[in-house]
C-alpha atoms as a PDB file:
ATOM      1  CA  MET A   1      -6.546  88.045-141.886  1.00  0.00           C
ATOM      2  CA  ILE A   2      -4.207  85.405-143.307  1.00  0.00           C
ATOM      3  CA  ALA A   3      -4.711  84.291-146.912  1.00  0.00           C
ATOM      4  CA  GLN A   4      -5.044  80.557-147.128  1.00  0.00           C
ATOM      5  CA  ILE A   5      -4.460  78.584-150.291  1.00  0.00           C
ATOM      6  CA  THR A   6      -6.643  75.564-150.725  1.00  0.00           C
ATOM      7  CA  LEU A   7      -5.440  72.316-152.255  1.00  0.00           C
ATOM      8  CA  GLN A   8      -7.281  73.048-155.504  1.00  0.00           C
ATOM      9  CA  ASP A   9      -5.725  76.531-155.781  1.00  0.00           C
ATOM     10  CA  GLY A  10      -2.265  75.124-155.083  1.00  0.00           C
ATOM     11  CA  ALA A  11      -2.684  72.444-157.746  1.00  0.00           C
ATOM     12  CA  LEU A  12      -3.855  75.082-160.226  1.00  0.00           C
ATOM     13  CA  PHE A  13      -0.863  77.360-159.487  1.00  0.00           C
ATOM     14  CA  PHE A  14       1.505  74.390-159.768  1.00  0.00           C
ATOM     15  CA  THR A  15       0.006  73.341-163.116  1.00  0.00           C
ATOM     16  CA  ILE A  16       0.163  76.866-164.534  1.00  0.00           C
ATOM     17  CA  GLY A  17       3.745  77.278-163.298  1.00  0.00           C
ATOM     18  CA  LEU A  18       4.783  73.952-164.814  1.00  0.00           C
ATOM     19  CA  PHE A  19       3.153  74.896-168.118  1.00  0.00           C
ATOM     20  CA  ALA A  20       4.926  78.288-168.090  1.00  0.00           C
ATOM     21  CA  LEU A  21       8.266  76.589-167.350  1.00  0.00           C
ATOM     22  CA  CYS A  22       7.790  74.158-170.255  1.00  0.00           C
ATOM     23  CA  LEU A  23       6.842  77.016-172.581  1.00  0.00           C
ATOM     24  CA  PHE A  24       9.905  79.023-171.530  1.00  0.00           C
ATOM     25  CA  ALA A  25      12.193  76.006-172.042  1.00  0.00           C
ATOM     26  CA  TYR A  26      10.708  75.355-175.497  1.00  0.00           C
ATOM     27  CA  LEU A  27      11.150  78.972-176.585  1.00  0.00           C
ATOM     28  CA  TYR A  28      14.700  79.084-175.215  1.00  0.00           C
ATOM     29  CA  LEU A  29      15.693  75.904-177.063  1.00  0.00           C
ATOM     30  CA  ALA A  30      14.022  77.049-180.288  1.00  0.00           C
ATOM     31  CA  VAL A  31      15.899  80.354-180.280  1.00  0.00           C
ATOM     32  CA  ARG A  32      19.172  78.662-179.305  1.00  0.00           C
ATOM     33  CA  GLU A  33      18.843  76.047-182.050  1.00  0.00           C
ATOM     34  CA  ARG A  34      18.066  78.678-184.659  1.00  0.00           C
ATOM     35  CA  THR A  35      21.088  80.805-183.737  1.00  0.00           C
ATOM     36  CA  LEU A  36      23.606  77.975-183.239  1.00  0.00           C
ATOM     37  CA  ALA A  37      22.508  75.504-185.905  1.00  0.00           C
ATOM     38  CA  TRP A  38      24.914  74.899-188.757  1.00  0.00           C
ATOM     39  CA  ARG A  39      23.156  75.264-192.071  1.00  0.00           C
ATOM     40  CA  LEU A  40      24.560  72.842-194.608  1.00  0.00           C
ATOM     41  CA  SER A  41      23.136  74.738-197.555  1.00  0.00           C
ATOM     42  CA  SER A  42      24.969  77.952-196.664  1.00  0.00           C
ATOM     43  CA  HIS A  43      28.424  76.354-196.666  1.00  0.00           C
ATOM     44  CA  ALA A  44      30.468  74.931-199.527  1.00  0.00           C
ATOM     45  CA  LEU A  45      32.324  71.682-198.873  1.00  0.00           C
ATOM     46  CA  PHE A  46      35.747  70.909-200.301  1.00  0.00           C
ATOM     47  CA  HIS A  47      37.784  67.716-200.162  1.00  0.00           C
ATOM     48  CA  CYS A  48      41.589  67.579-200.058  1.00  0.00           C
ATOM     49  CA  LYS A  49      43.074  65.314-202.742  1.00  0.00           C
ATOM     50  CA  LYS A  50      46.122  64.421-200.622  1.00  0.00           C
ATOM     51  CA  CYS A  51      44.896  63.735-197.087  1.00  0.00           C
ATOM     52  CA  GLY A  52      41.102  63.498-197.529  1.00  0.00           C
ATOM     53  CA  LEU A  53      40.249  66.327-195.122  1.00  0.00           C
ATOM     54  CA  VAL A  54      36.797  67.837-195.683  1.00  0.00           C
ATOM     55  CA  ILE A  55      36.860  71.647-195.483  1.00  0.00           C
ATOM     56  CA  SER A  56      33.752  73.821-195.086  1.00  0.00           C
ATOM     57  CA  VAL A  57      33.801  77.336-196.532  1.00  0.00           C
ATOM     58  CA  ARG A  58      31.314  80.149-195.955  1.00  0.00           C
ATOM     59  CA  PRO A  59      29.444  81.312-199.071  1.00  0.00           C
ATOM     60  CA  LEU A  60      31.096  84.764-199.268  1.00  0.00           C
ATOM     61  CA  GLN A  61      34.595  83.367-198.720  1.00  0.00           C
ATOM     62  CA  ALA A  62      36.690  82.415-201.733  1.00  0.00           C
ATOM     63  CA  GLN A  63      37.635  78.819-202.457  1.00  0.00           C
ATOM     64  CA  PRO A  64      40.412  77.674-200.115  1.00  0.00           C
ATOM     65  CA  ARG A  65      43.772  77.755-201.868  1.00  0.00           C
ATOM     66  CA  GLN A  66      45.321  74.924-199.876  1.00  0.00           C
ATOM     67  CA  CYS A  67      44.455  72.347-197.251  1.00  0.00           C
ATOM     68  CA  PRO A  68      45.151  73.574-193.707  1.00  0.00           C
ATOM     69  CA  ARG A  69      46.498  70.145-192.713  1.00  0.00           C
ATOM     70  CA  CYS A  70      48.818  69.101-195.568  1.00  0.00           C
ATOM     71  CA  GLY A  71      48.854  71.975-198.082  1.00  0.00           C
ATOM     72  CA  GLY A  72      47.208  69.924-200.849  1.00  0.00           C
ATOM     73  CA  ARG A  73      44.749  71.277-203.411  1.00  0.00           C
ATOM     74  CA  PRO A  74      41.089  71.090-202.315  1.00  0.00           C
ATOM     75  CA  VAL A  75      38.394  70.245-204.853  1.00  0.00           C
ATOM     76  CA  PRO A  76      34.609  70.445-204.463  1.00  0.00           C
ATOM     77  CA  TYR A  77      33.442  67.581-202.251  1.00  0.00           C
ATOM     78  CA  ARG A  78      30.975  65.946-204.667  1.00  0.00           C
ATOM     79  CA  SER A  79      33.011  66.347-207.830  1.00  0.00           C
ATOM     80  CA  VAL A  80      33.848  63.356-210.032  1.00  0.00           C
ATOM     81  CA  SER A  81      37.606  63.739-209.590  1.00  0.00           C
ATOM     82  CA  ALA A  82      37.304  63.723-205.776  1.00  0.00           C
ATOM     83  CA  SER A  83      35.139  60.606-205.638  1.00  0.00           C
ATOM     84  CA  ASN A  84      37.005  58.634-208.334  1.00  0.00           C
ATOM     85  CA  PRO A  85      40.623  57.890-207.277  1.00  0.00           C
ATOM     86  CA  ASN A  86      41.522  56.548-210.776  1.00  0.00           C
ATOM     87  CA  ARG A  87      41.284  59.983-212.416  1.00  0.00           C
END
């Protein structure tokens, strides 16, 4: 005896499979985004006074001593002295 799939059964299997594929893709992207996303709040931003390079530093790392590009002194990004060139 050969099992025959009717049109209604085939449409049901296709719909369930498509739903499962969408669910798998959503879960994969959610996990990938959570593991690869850069969290702004967990990094400190510094701004080089000489060349203007913005440097991000992890929270447990010490303040960078010099700019990797020009060797200038980095200051916190949103400080008054970094945003006001007259000081």
